[in-house]
Structures are given as structure tokens and as C-alpha cells.
C-alpha atoms as a PDB file:
ATOM      1  CA  MET A   1     -57.760  13.384  27.322  1.00  0.00           C
ATOM      2  CA  ARG A   2     -61.044  15.071  25.422  1.00  0.00           C
ATOM      3  CA  ASN A   3     -61.415  14.191  22.062  1.00  0.00           C
ATOM      4  CA  VAL A   4     -64.405  15.749  20.656  1.00  0.00           C
ATOM      5  CA  GLU A   5     -66.227  14.274  16.845  1.00  0.00           C
ATOM      6  CA  TYR A   6     -67.251  17.163  14.627  1.00  0.00           C
ATOM      7  CA  SER A   7     -70.729  16.717  13.256  1.00  0.00           C
ATOM      8  CA  LYS A   8     -72.133  15.607  10.357  1.00  0.00           C
ATOM      9  CA  ARG A   9     -71.686  18.871   8.199  1.00  0.00           C
ATOM     10  CA  ASN A  10     -67.910  18.848   8.942  1.00  0.00           C
ATOM     11  CA  PRO A  11     -65.887  18.128   5.711  1.00  0.00           C
ATOM     12  CA  HIS A  12     -63.303  16.311   7.987  1.00  0.00           C
ATOM     13  CA  PRO A  13     -65.734  13.815  10.404  1.00  0.00           C
ATOM     14  CA  LYS A  14     -62.619  12.045  11.777  1.00  0.00           C
ATOM     15  CA  PHE A  15     -60.926  14.838  12.702  1.00  0.00           C
ATOM     16  CA  LYS A  16     -60.668  14.969  16.485  1.00  0.00           C
ATOM     17  CA  HIS A  17     -59.565  18.106  17.608  1.00  0.00           C
ATOM     18  CA  SER A  18     -57.999  18.057  21.272  1.00  0.00           C
ATOM     19  CA  PHE A  19     -58.994  20.496  23.856  1.00  0.00           C
ATOM     20  CA  GLN A  20     -55.915  19.608  26.113  1.00  0.00           C
ATOM     21  CA  ASN A  21     -53.188  19.838  23.537  1.00  0.00           C
ATOM     22  CA  GLN A  22     -54.128  23.093  22.987  1.00  0.00           C
ATOM     23  CA  ALA A  23     -54.928  24.002  25.759  1.00  0.00           C
ATOM     24  CA  ARG A  24     -50.637  22.680  26.797  1.00  0.00           C
ATOM     25  CA  ALA A  25     -50.089  25.341  23.213  1.00  0.00           C
ATOM     26  CA  ILE A  26     -50.468  28.327  24.995  1.00  0.00           C
ATOM     27  CA  SER A  27     -50.061  27.698  28.490  1.00  0.00           C
ATOM     28  CA  GLU A  28     -46.221  26.946  26.606  1.00  0.00           C
ATOM     29  CA  ILE A  29     -46.549  30.613  25.586  1.00  0.00           C
ATOM     30  CA  LYS A  30     -43.956  32.998  27.437  1.00  0.00           C
ATOM     31  CA  PRO A  31     -44.227  37.148  27.072  1.00  0.00           C
ATOM     32  CA  HIS A  32     -40.591  38.116  26.054  1.00  0.00           C
ATOM     33  CA  LYS A  33     -38.817  41.762  28.064  1.00  0.00           C
ATOM     34  CA  LEU A  34     -38.675  44.738  25.017  1.00  0.00           C
ATOM     35  CA  SER A  35     -34.717  44.499  25.472  1.00  0.00           C
ATOM     36  CA  GLU A  36     -34.662  40.739  24.659  1.00  0.00           C
ATOM     37  CA  ILE A  37     -35.375  41.213  21.899  1.00  0.00           C
ATOM     38  CA  VAL A  38     -33.011  41.836  18.717  1.00  0.00           C
ATOM     39  CA  HIS A  39     -33.041  44.019  16.493  1.00  0.00           C
ATOM     40  CA  GLN A  40     -32.836  42.870  12.902  1.00  0.00           C
ATOM     41  CA  GLU A  41     -32.192  45.587   9.815  1.00  0.00           C
ATOM     42  CA  LYS A  42     -34.691  44.646   6.781  1.00  0.00           C
ATOM     43  CA  ASP A  43     -34.987  46.305   3.469  1.00  0.00           C
ATOM     44  CA  ARG A  44     -37.896  47.919   3.228  1.00  0.00           C
ATOM     45  CA  PHE A  45     -39.165  49.783   0.356  1.00  0.00           C
ATOM     46  CA  SER A  46     -40.749  53.780   0.430  1.00  0.00           C
ATOM     47  CA  THR A  47     -44.625  54.070  -0.281  1.00  0.00           C
ATOM     48  CA  GLY A  48     -43.921  57.145  -1.437  1.00  0.00           C
ATOM     49  CA  PHE A  49     -44.311  59.619   1.443  1.00  0.00           C
ATOM     50  CA  SER A  50     -41.748  60.363   4.452  1.00  0.00           C
ATOM     51  CA  GLU A  51     -44.672  59.856   7.322  1.00  0.00           C
ATOM     52  CA  MET A  52     -46.243  57.159   6.258  1.00  0.00           C
ATOM     53  CA  ASP A  53     -42.918  55.952   5.549  1.00  0.00           C
ATOM     54  CA  SER A  54     -41.681  57.150   9.169  1.00  0.00           C
ATOM     55  CA  VAL A  55     -44.610  55.516  10.721  1.00  0.00           C
ATOM     56  CA  LEU A  56     -43.502  51.669   9.171  1.00  0.00           C
ATOM     57  CA  GLY A  57     -40.458  52.673  10.314  1.00  0.00           C
ATOM     58  CA  GLY A  58     -38.712  53.202   6.969  1.00  0.00           C
ATOM     59  CA  GLY A  59     -41.295  50.997   4.126  1.00  0.00           C
ATOM     60  CA  ILE A  60     -42.756  48.224   3.737  1.00  0.00           C
ATOM     61  CA  VAL A  61     -40.547  44.881   4.700  1.00  0.00           C
ATOM     62  CA  PRO A  62     -41.273  42.548   1.577  1.00  0.00           C
ATOM     63  CA  GLY A  63     -43.658  40.079   2.556  1.00  0.00           C
ATOM     64  CA  SER A  64     -44.990  41.859   5.525  1.00  0.00           C
ATOM     65  CA  VAL A  65     -48.813  43.256   6.115  1.00  0.00           C
ATOM     66  CA  ALA A  66     -49.509  46.485   7.769  1.00  0.00           C
ATOM     67  CA  LEU A  67     -52.923  47.275   8.526  1.00  0.00           C
ATOM     68  CA  LEU A  68     -54.174  50.203   7.247  1.00  0.00           C
ATOM     69  CA  ALA A  69     -57.300  51.219   9.862  1.00  0.00           C
ATOM     70  CA  GLY A  70     -59.297  54.112  10.974  1.00  0.00           C
ATOM     71  CA  ASP A  71     -63.205  55.872  10.981  1.00  0.00           C
ATOM     72  CA  PRO A  72     -65.450  55.408   7.880  1.00  0.00           C
ATOM     73  CA  GLY A  73     -64.499  58.281   5.355  1.00  0.00           C
ATOM     74  CA  ILE A  74     -61.474  59.266   7.089  1.00  0.00           C
ATOM     75  CA  GLY A  75     -59.688  58.034   3.306  1.00  0.00           C
ATOM     76  CA  LYS A  76     -58.316  54.764   3.643  1.00  0.00           C
ATOM     77  CA  SER A  77     -58.878  53.882   0.325  1.00  0.00           C
ATOM     78  CA  THR A  78     -58.012  57.595  -0.472  1.00  0.00           C
ATOM     79  CA  LEU A  79     -53.946  57.339   1.086  1.00  0.00           C
ATOM     80  CA  LEU A  80     -53.835  53.088  -0.403  1.00  0.00           C
ATOM     81  CA  LEU A  81     -55.085  54.448  -3.763  1.00  0.00           C
ATOM     82  CA  GLN A  82     -51.980  57.488  -3.638  1.00  0.00           C
ATOM     83  CA  MET A  83     -49.619  54.940  -2.794  1.00  0.00           C
ATOM     84  CA  LEU A  84     -50.114  52.922  -5.778  1.00  0.00           C
END
């Protein structure tokens, strides 16, 4: 096992990171078939825009995060301001 002690600039100089543990954790991640995923109905609240609700699967799930991305000037901020 290889441990690396961080430099003096690190606020936690005694903290050691194990590359072996990280590699083991990553190797334990297994892909799942879409057919194996169980659908769970969640309460959602409407954005006020039917198309946006459709894209989000019926609205926004409380506690979730949605990323709105696009080219500059496409209207991301305008859309979000209209939802307030």
C-alpha cells in the first residue's frame, strides 16, 4: 500500500491518501442494465412550462439538481427568471 503525505501547504498535513483504497473502490463499481433499474414515482412540482416539465419527466423532484446548459445567449437565464 502506498500512502502520500501532502505538502506543508495542506491544512491537514497528517492526512494520508491511499491510492490502493481508491482503486479498489473504483473497481467495485459495476454497470447496471436499464432493465434492472426499478422506477420509483416521486412527487414533482411543475416549473410552469409544459415543455420543461416534459423534459424533466413531469417536473422537478424536490431535493434534486438539474443542469441547464447551452451556448451563450441562448436564453438560459431568461428561462430561469421566468420560472421564479
